[in-house]
Amino acid sequence: MIELRFLVDNKNTVCFTLFVALVLSVYLLVYLFSHTPRPPYPEELKYTAIDENGVEVTRTLPTLGKEHQNGDDEEIILSVVIPSYNETGRILLMLTDAIKFLKEKYGSKWEIVIVDDGSTDNTTQYCLKICKEQFQLDYRQFRIIKFSQNRGKGGAVRQGFLHIRGKYGLFADADGASKFSDVAKLIEAIKTYETSGTNGKTVKPVVAIGSRAHMVNTEAVIKRSMIRNCLMYGFHTLVFIFGIRSIKDTQCGFKLFNRPAILKIFPYLHTEGWIFDVEILILAIRKRIQIEEIPISWHEVDGSKMALAVDSIKMAKDLVVIRMAYLLGIYNDNKKC
């Protein structure tokens, strides 16, 4: 009897030890693959623009929430952050569409912040040239942040949002795949939910994201390659399994945030790669921020910088890491990165 009890106790001890070892191994593995945003280099805390005299200038970026300390006291309704990597062949159409709408809708109360993610095709100089010669814009509406070293789309978007001045912030892909005027739908969606209290002056954090989910059975998606569609459905399944079940399209590059939502999300964002959209939504869900998914117009544009097979594998790996890092406490959604 004593011997039997000893064997049972010994078995329980072994099982417990193996369980602890497994948990520690998983924690260590997730920790090793977890992400920390690269601190910006000094030159990445400045922007380049055209001044009132048509001369190229470099100035210090405003800090989100502290614009008045930097002399940026203009009223800006909408800030548009455009992450860009080697986009000289595509960005003109996007900017033409965006600037036409912004001028008609908001007069001068808007800004575009292009974040050049270490391009090798002179994206910065090209954008400055068309800014001056074609759009006649100066630093009040058009600024460029140039990275010395590539960080990834998530890193570009994060850096841009930490230095905008607008009441609302939109990030939009440089390819112009989305119809820019659809931003009006996103702003109206946010306005529906952002005020509370009897005086209507309390502004709640709200996110509105463009969605292509309504286009799944349209030619825009059906004409994609079978491999691309298989990877898309596989990724959506992984996202569903790992906890984002109320949002149909997490990856659309057309997302809008009001100022309170920006302050609650972007300083805490860890991921700088393609999967950053999912972490944004995970942070919003964890912080109980209202998320509205709005159908928008969209079309396929050639020239994607994504290496389909390799980057899909990286995204799947990073998705698992993000979810597990929050569950294990490696990522803290109340500690700024």
Protein backbone atom coordinates (compact mmCIF):
# COMPACT_ATOMS: atom_id res chain seq x y z
CA MET A 1 0.00 0.00 0.00
CA ILE A 2 2.80 2.40 0.95
CA GLU A 3 4.70 1.44 -2.16
CA LEU A 4 1.63 2.07 -4.35
CA ARG A 5 1.10 5.50 -2.77
CA PHE A 6 4.77 6.31 -3.35
CA LEU A 7 4.48 5.39 -7.02
CA VAL A 8 1.35 7.57 -7.43
CA ASP A 9 3.00 10.53 -5.68
CA ASN A 10 6.12 10.06 -7.76
CA LYS A 11 4.06 9.97 -10.96
CA ASN A 12 2.25 13.18 -9.96
CA THR A 13 5.56 14.88 -9.24
CA VAL A 14 6.94 13.86 -12.64
CA CYS A 15 3.79 15.10 -14.39
CA PHE A 16 3.91 18.41 -12.54
CA THR A 17 7.59 18.83 -13.36
CA LEU A 18 6.97 18.12 -17.01
CA PHE A 19 4.07 20.59 -17.04
CA VAL A 20 6.21 23.33 -15.49
CA ALA A 21 9.01 22.59 -17.94
CA LEU A 22 6.55 22.80 -20.85
CA VAL A 23 5.15 26.14 -19.68
CA LEU A 24 8.63 27.56 -19.17
CA SER A 25 9.71 26.33 -22.59
CA VAL A 26 6.69 27.94 -24.28
CA TYR A 27 7.30 31.19 -22.37
CA LEU A 28 10.97 31.22 -23.38
CA LEU A 29 10.15 30.45 -27.01
CA VAL A 30 7.54 33.21 -27.23
CA TYR A 31 9.87 35.63 -25.46
CA LEU A 32 12.67 34.90 -27.93
CA PHE A 33 10.36 35.56 -30.91
CA SER A 34 8.61 38.58 -29.37
CA HIS A 35 9.11 42.07 -30.79
CA THR A 36 10.28 45.41 -29.46
CA PRO A 37 10.02 48.48 -31.72
CA ARG A 38 13.35 49.86 -32.83
CA PRO A 39 13.96 53.27 -31.22
CA PRO A 40 14.05 55.99 -33.89
CA TYR A 41 17.40 57.36 -34.89
CA PRO A 42 17.84 61.12 -34.24
CA GLU A 43 17.29 61.97 -37.90
CA GLU A 44 14.01 60.04 -37.85
CA LEU A 45 12.62 62.50 -35.28
CA LYS A 46 12.65 65.21 -37.94
CA TYR A 47 10.54 65.78 -41.02
CA THR A 48 11.42 67.15 -44.42
CA ALA A 49 9.08 69.50 -46.24
CA ILE A 50 8.84 72.55 -48.49
CA ASP A 51 8.59 75.94 -46.76
CA GLU A 52 6.56 79.00 -47.84
CA ASN A 53 9.39 80.10 -50.16
CA GLY A 54 9.59 76.78 -51.99
CA VAL A 55 12.79 75.73 -50.23
CA GLU A 56 13.35 72.25 -48.81
CA VAL A 57 13.62 72.36 -45.00
CA THR A 58 14.14 69.87 -42.17
CA ARG A 59 12.42 70.46 -38.85
CA THR A 60 11.70 68.67 -35.57
CA LEU A 61 8.58 66.51 -35.52
CA PRO A 62 5.76 67.44 -33.14
CA THR A 63 5.07 64.89 -30.41
CA LEU A 64 1.57 63.44 -30.21
CA GLY A 65 -0.31 65.32 -27.49
CA LYS A 66 2.39 68.02 -27.20
CA GLU A 67 2.02 69.85 -30.50
CA HIS A 68 1.65 73.29 -28.95
CA GLN A 69 5.06 72.95 -27.32
CA ASN A 70 6.60 72.64 -30.79
CA GLY A 71 4.83 75.64 -32.25
CA ASP A 72 2.40 73.45 -34.25
CA ASP A 73 -0.78 75.12 -33.07
CA GLU A 74 -2.82 74.89 -36.28
CA GLU A 75 -6.18 73.18 -36.16
CA ILE A 76 -5.86 69.92 -38.07
CA ILE A 77 -8.96 67.79 -38.50
CA LEU A 78 -7.47 64.84 -40.36
CA SER A 79 -3.92 63.51 -40.48
CA VAL A 80 -3.14 60.92 -43.15
CA VAL A 81 -0.17 58.62 -42.55
CA ILE A 82 1.13 56.86 -45.67
CA PRO A 83 3.75 54.14 -45.09
CA SER A 84 5.92 53.97 -48.19
CA TYR A 85 8.68 51.72 -49.44
CA ASN A 86 9.93 52.23 -53.02
CA GLU A 87 6.65 53.79 -54.13
CA THR A 88 7.71 56.18 -56.91
CA GLY A 89 5.73 54.10 -59.40
CA ARG A 90 2.42 54.11 -57.50
CA ILE A 91 2.09 56.92 -54.99
CA LEU A 92 1.19 59.77 -57.38
CA LEU A 93 -2.27 58.39 -58.15
CA MET A 94 -2.97 57.87 -54.45
CA LEU A 95 -1.84 61.39 -53.52
CA THR A 96 -3.84 62.95 -56.36
CA ASP A 97 -7.02 61.24 -55.16
CA ALA A 98 -6.35 62.05 -51.50
CA ILE A 99 -5.34 65.71 -51.91
CA LYS A 100 -8.30 66.51 -54.18
CA PHE A 101 -10.71 65.16 -51.57
CA LEU A 102 -8.93 66.76 -48.60
CA LYS A 103 -8.91 70.23 -50.18
CA GLU A 104 -12.60 70.03 -51.06
CA LYS A 105 -13.68 68.60 -47.70
CA TYR A 106 -11.38 70.24 -45.15
CA GLY A 107 -9.86 73.30 -46.82
CA SER A 108 -6.43 73.62 -45.19
CA LYS A 109 -7.22 71.73 -41.98
CA TRP A 110 -5.46 68.50 -42.91
CA GLU A 111 -1.99 67.05 -43.29
CA ILE A 112 -0.31 64.17 -45.08
CA VAL A 113 2.62 62.47 -43.38
CA ILE A 114 4.55 60.14 -45.66
CA VAL A 115 6.83 57.74 -43.81
CA ASP A 116 9.58 56.62 -46.19
CA ASP A 117 10.60 53.24 -44.79
CA GLY A 118 14.20 53.25 -46.01
CA SER A 119 13.36 53.35 -49.73
CA THR A 120 16.13 52.90 -52.29
CA ASP A 121 14.28 54.53 -55.22
CA ASN A 122 14.34 58.16 -53.97
CA THR A 123 10.72 58.05 -52.78
CA THR A 124 11.37 61.05 -50.49
CA GLN A 125 12.81 63.29 -53.21
CA TYR A 126 10.12 62.23 -55.67
CA CYS A 127 7.36 63.13 -53.19
CA LEU A 128 8.97 66.47 -52.37
CA LYS A 129 9.20 67.25 -56.09
CA ILE A 130 5.53 66.55 -56.83
CA CYS A 131 4.53 68.27 -53.58
CA LYS A 132 6.21 71.47 -54.79
CA GLU A 133 5.62 71.35 -58.52
CA GLN A 134 2.27 69.60 -58.87
CA PHE A 135 0.38 70.17 -55.63
CA GLN A 136 1.99 73.43 -54.41
CA LEU A 137 1.89 72.32 -50.77
CA ASP A 138 4.17 73.34 -47.92
CA TYR A 139 5.03 71.98 -44.46
CA ARG A 140 1.59 72.83 -43.10
CA GLN A 141 -0.03 70.07 -45.17
CA PHE A 142 2.78 67.82 -46.46
CA ARG A 143 5.58 66.28 -44.40
CA ILE A 144 7.94 63.37 -44.97
CA ILE A 145 9.66 61.25 -42.33
CA LYS A 146 12.64 59.43 -43.83
CA PHE A 147 13.90 56.25 -42.14
CA SER A 148 17.63 55.60 -42.30
CA GLN A 149 16.93 51.87 -42.15
CA ASN A 150 13.89 49.82 -43.11
CA ARG A 151 11.65 48.96 -40.14
CA GLY A 152 8.59 47.42 -41.76
CA LYS A 153 5.10 48.73 -42.47
CA GLY A 154 4.03 48.53 -38.82
CA GLY A 155 7.07 50.51 -37.72
CA ALA A 156 6.37 53.18 -40.33
CA VAL A 157 2.72 53.52 -39.33
CA ARG A 158 3.57 53.64 -35.62
CA GLN A 159 6.21 56.34 -36.08
CA GLY A 160 3.87 58.40 -38.22
CA PHE A 161 0.99 58.25 -35.74
CA LEU A 162 3.19 59.25 -32.82
CA HIS A 163 3.89 62.56 -34.57
CA ILE A 164 0.62 63.69 -36.15
CA ARG A 165 -1.43 66.75 -35.26
CA GLY A 166 -4.94 65.80 -36.34
CA LYS A 167 -8.13 65.20 -34.42
CA TYR A 168 -8.42 62.02 -36.48
CA GLY A 169 -5.63 59.88 -37.91
CA LEU A 170 -5.93 57.63 -40.95
CA PHE A 171 -3.34 55.28 -42.31
CA ALA A 172 -3.74 54.53 -45.99
CA ASP A 173 -1.68 52.36 -48.31
CA ALA A 174 0.43 54.15 -50.92
CA ASP A 175 -0.95 52.02 -53.77
CA GLY A 176 -4.29 53.86 -53.84
CA ALA A 177 -6.25 50.60 -53.82
CA SER A 178 -8.91 52.20 -51.61
CA LYS A 179 -11.12 55.06 -52.77
CA PHE A 180 -9.93 57.90 -50.55
CA SER A 181 -13.28 59.65 -50.23
CA ASP A 182 -14.51 56.62 -48.26
CA VAL A 183 -12.70 58.15 -45.27
CA ALA A 184 -15.84 60.29 -44.83
CA LYS A 185 -17.77 57.09 -44.00
CA LEU A 186 -15.18 56.15 -41.38
CA ILE A 187 -15.26 59.59 -39.75
CA GLU A 188 -19.07 59.53 -39.58
CA ALA A 189 -18.91 56.08 -37.96
CA ILE A 190 -16.50 57.36 -35.30
CA LYS A 191 -18.60 60.46 -34.61
CA THR A 192 -21.58 58.22 -33.89
CA TYR A 193 -19.82 56.65 -30.90
CA GLU A 194 -17.11 59.03 -29.69
CA THR A 195 -19.13 61.47 -27.55
CA SER A 196 -20.76 60.58 -24.27
CA GLY A 197 -22.14 62.29 -21.18
CA THR A 198 -24.94 64.81 -20.88
CA ASN A 199 -22.80 67.64 -22.25
CA GLY A 200 -21.49 65.60 -25.16
CA LYS A 201 -17.94 66.78 -24.48
CA THR A 202 -16.41 63.53 -23.27
CA VAL A 203 -14.63 61.95 -26.21
CA LYS A 204 -14.33 58.17 -26.12
CA PRO A 205 -11.70 56.23 -28.08
CA VAL A 206 -13.13 54.81 -31.30
CA VAL A 207 -11.62 53.00 -34.29
CA ALA A 208 -13.22 52.68 -37.73
CA ILE A 209 -11.64 50.25 -40.18
CA GLY A 210 -12.21 49.89 -43.89
CA SER A 211 -13.40 46.44 -44.88
CA ARG A 212 -13.27 44.44 -48.10
CA ALA A 213 -15.24 41.52 -46.66
CA HIS A 214 -18.28 42.40 -48.79
CA MET A 215 -16.11 41.86 -51.89
CA VAL A 216 -15.17 38.23 -51.24
CA ASN A 217 -17.30 36.92 -54.10
CA THR A 218 -16.57 39.77 -56.52
CA GLU A 219 -14.17 39.74 -59.46
CA ALA A 220 -11.63 41.81 -57.50
CA VAL A 221 -10.98 38.77 -55.30
CA ILE A 222 -12.00 35.90 -57.56
CA LYS A 223 -9.42 36.93 -60.20
CA ARG A 224 -6.57 36.62 -57.71
CA SER A 225 -4.35 33.58 -58.03
CA MET A 226 -5.49 30.38 -56.32
CA ILE A 227 -2.39 30.42 -54.08
CA ARG A 228 -3.08 34.01 -52.97
CA ASN A 229 -6.71 33.19 -52.13
CA CYS A 230 -5.75 29.99 -50.28
CA LEU A 231 -3.24 31.92 -48.17
CA MET A 232 -5.84 34.63 -47.51
CA TYR A 233 -8.45 32.14 -46.27
CA GLY A 234 -5.84 30.28 -44.24
CA PHE A 235 -4.74 33.50 -42.55
CA HIS A 236 -8.34 34.51 -41.79
CA THR A 237 -8.86 31.10 -40.18
CA LEU A 238 -5.79 31.59 -37.98
CA VAL A 239 -6.98 35.06 -36.95
CA PHE A 240 -10.37 33.58 -36.03
CA ILE A 241 -8.76 30.77 -34.00
CA PHE A 242 -6.54 33.23 -32.14
CA GLY A 243 -9.39 35.37 -30.95
CA ILE A 244 -10.46 38.09 -33.38
CA ARG A 245 -13.90 36.81 -34.36
CA SER A 246 -16.00 39.95 -34.64
CA ILE A 247 -13.93 41.52 -37.45
CA LYS A 248 -14.10 40.09 -40.95
CA ASP A 249 -11.20 41.99 -42.57
CA THR A 250 -8.25 42.75 -40.29
CA GLN A 251 -5.72 43.56 -43.03
CA CYS A 252 -7.30 46.36 -45.06
CA GLY A 253 -4.81 49.24 -45.27
CA PHE A 254 -7.40 51.92 -44.54
CA LYS A 255 -7.98 52.46 -40.81
CA LEU A 256 -9.10 55.56 -38.91
CA PHE A 257 -8.61 56.45 -35.24
CA ASN A 258 -9.75 59.38 -33.16
CA ARG A 259 -7.18 61.06 -30.90
CA PRO A 260 -8.07 59.13 -27.68
CA ALA A 261 -7.80 55.81 -29.56
CA ILE A 262 -4.41 56.78 -31.01
CA LEU A 263 -3.06 57.59 -27.55
CA LYS A 264 -4.33 54.26 -26.17
CA ILE A 265 -2.97 52.09 -28.99
CA PHE A 266 0.11 53.30 -30.85
CA PRO A 267 2.53 53.95 -27.95
CA TYR A 268 1.92 50.32 -26.90
CA LEU A 269 2.33 48.67 -30.31
CA HIS A 270 5.15 46.10 -30.43
CA THR A 271 4.98 44.69 -33.94
CA GLU A 272 6.67 46.41 -36.89
CA GLY A 273 5.99 43.81 -39.58
CA TRP A 274 2.94 43.07 -41.76
CA ILE A 275 0.93 41.64 -38.88
CA PHE A 276 0.78 44.96 -37.00
CA ASP A 277 -2.88 45.44 -38.04
CA VAL A 278 -3.86 42.46 -35.92
CA GLU A 279 -2.00 43.74 -32.87
CA ILE A 280 -3.74 47.11 -33.25
CA LEU A 281 -7.10 45.34 -33.11
CA ILE A 282 -6.02 43.09 -30.22
CA LEU A 283 -5.01 46.18 -28.23
CA ALA A 284 -8.31 47.89 -29.07
CA ILE A 285 -10.29 44.84 -27.97
CA ARG A 286 -8.26 44.42 -24.75
CA LYS A 287 -8.81 48.10 -23.92
CA ARG A 288 -12.53 47.92 -24.75
CA ILE A 289 -12.26 50.46 -27.54
CA GLN A 290 -15.22 50.62 -29.90
CA ILE A 291 -14.35 49.19 -33.34
CA GLU A 292 -16.56 49.81 -36.36
CA GLU A 293 -16.00 47.88 -39.60
CA ILE A 294 -17.12 49.87 -42.65
CA PRO A 295 -17.40 48.52 -46.22
CA ILE A 296 -15.26 50.53 -48.65
CA SER A 297 -14.44 50.52 -52.36
CA TRP A 298 -11.25 48.66 -53.21
CA HIS A 299 -9.41 47.28 -56.24
CA GLU A 300 -6.28 45.20 -56.73
CA VAL A 301 -3.12 47.16 -57.58
CA ASP A 302 0.05 45.58 -58.93
CA GLY A 303 3.43 46.18 -57.28
CA SER A 304 2.90 44.78 -53.79
CA LYS A 305 6.08 44.72 -51.67
CA MET A 306 4.92 41.55 -49.92
CA ALA A 307 6.77 38.32 -50.74
CA LEU A 308 3.68 36.14 -50.71
CA ALA A 309 4.97 32.78 -49.46
CA VAL A 310 7.73 33.97 -47.11
CA ASP A 311 5.78 36.87 -45.61
CA SER A 312 2.66 34.72 -45.16
CA ILE A 313 4.70 32.29 -43.04
CA LYS A 314 6.16 35.19 -41.04
CA MET A 315 2.68 36.62 -40.47
CA ALA A 316 1.36 33.28 -39.22
CA LYS A 317 4.30 32.96 -36.84
CA ASP A 318 3.96 36.54 -35.62
CA LEU A 319 0.22 36.08 -35.09
CA VAL A 320 0.87 33.19 -32.72
CA VAL A 321 3.62 35.15 -30.96
CA ILE A 322 1.42 38.23 -30.47
CA ARG A 323 -1.48 36.29 -28.98
CA MET A 324 0.73 34.17 -26.72
CA ALA A 325 2.84 37.18 -25.65
CA TYR A 326 -0.26 38.93 -24.33
CA LEU A 327 -1.58 35.78 -22.65
CA LEU A 328 1.77 35.12 -20.94
CA GLY A 329 2.31 38.74 -19.91
CA ILE A 330 5.37 39.26 -22.13
CA TYR A 331 3.48 42.11 -23.82
CA ASN A 332 1.88 44.62 -21.48
CA ASP A 333 -0.88 46.74 -22.96
CA ASN A 334 -0.42 49.39 -20.27
CA LYS A 335 3.34 49.81 -20.68
CA LYS A 336 4.59 52.01 -23.50
CA CYS A 337 7.16 50.48 -25.81
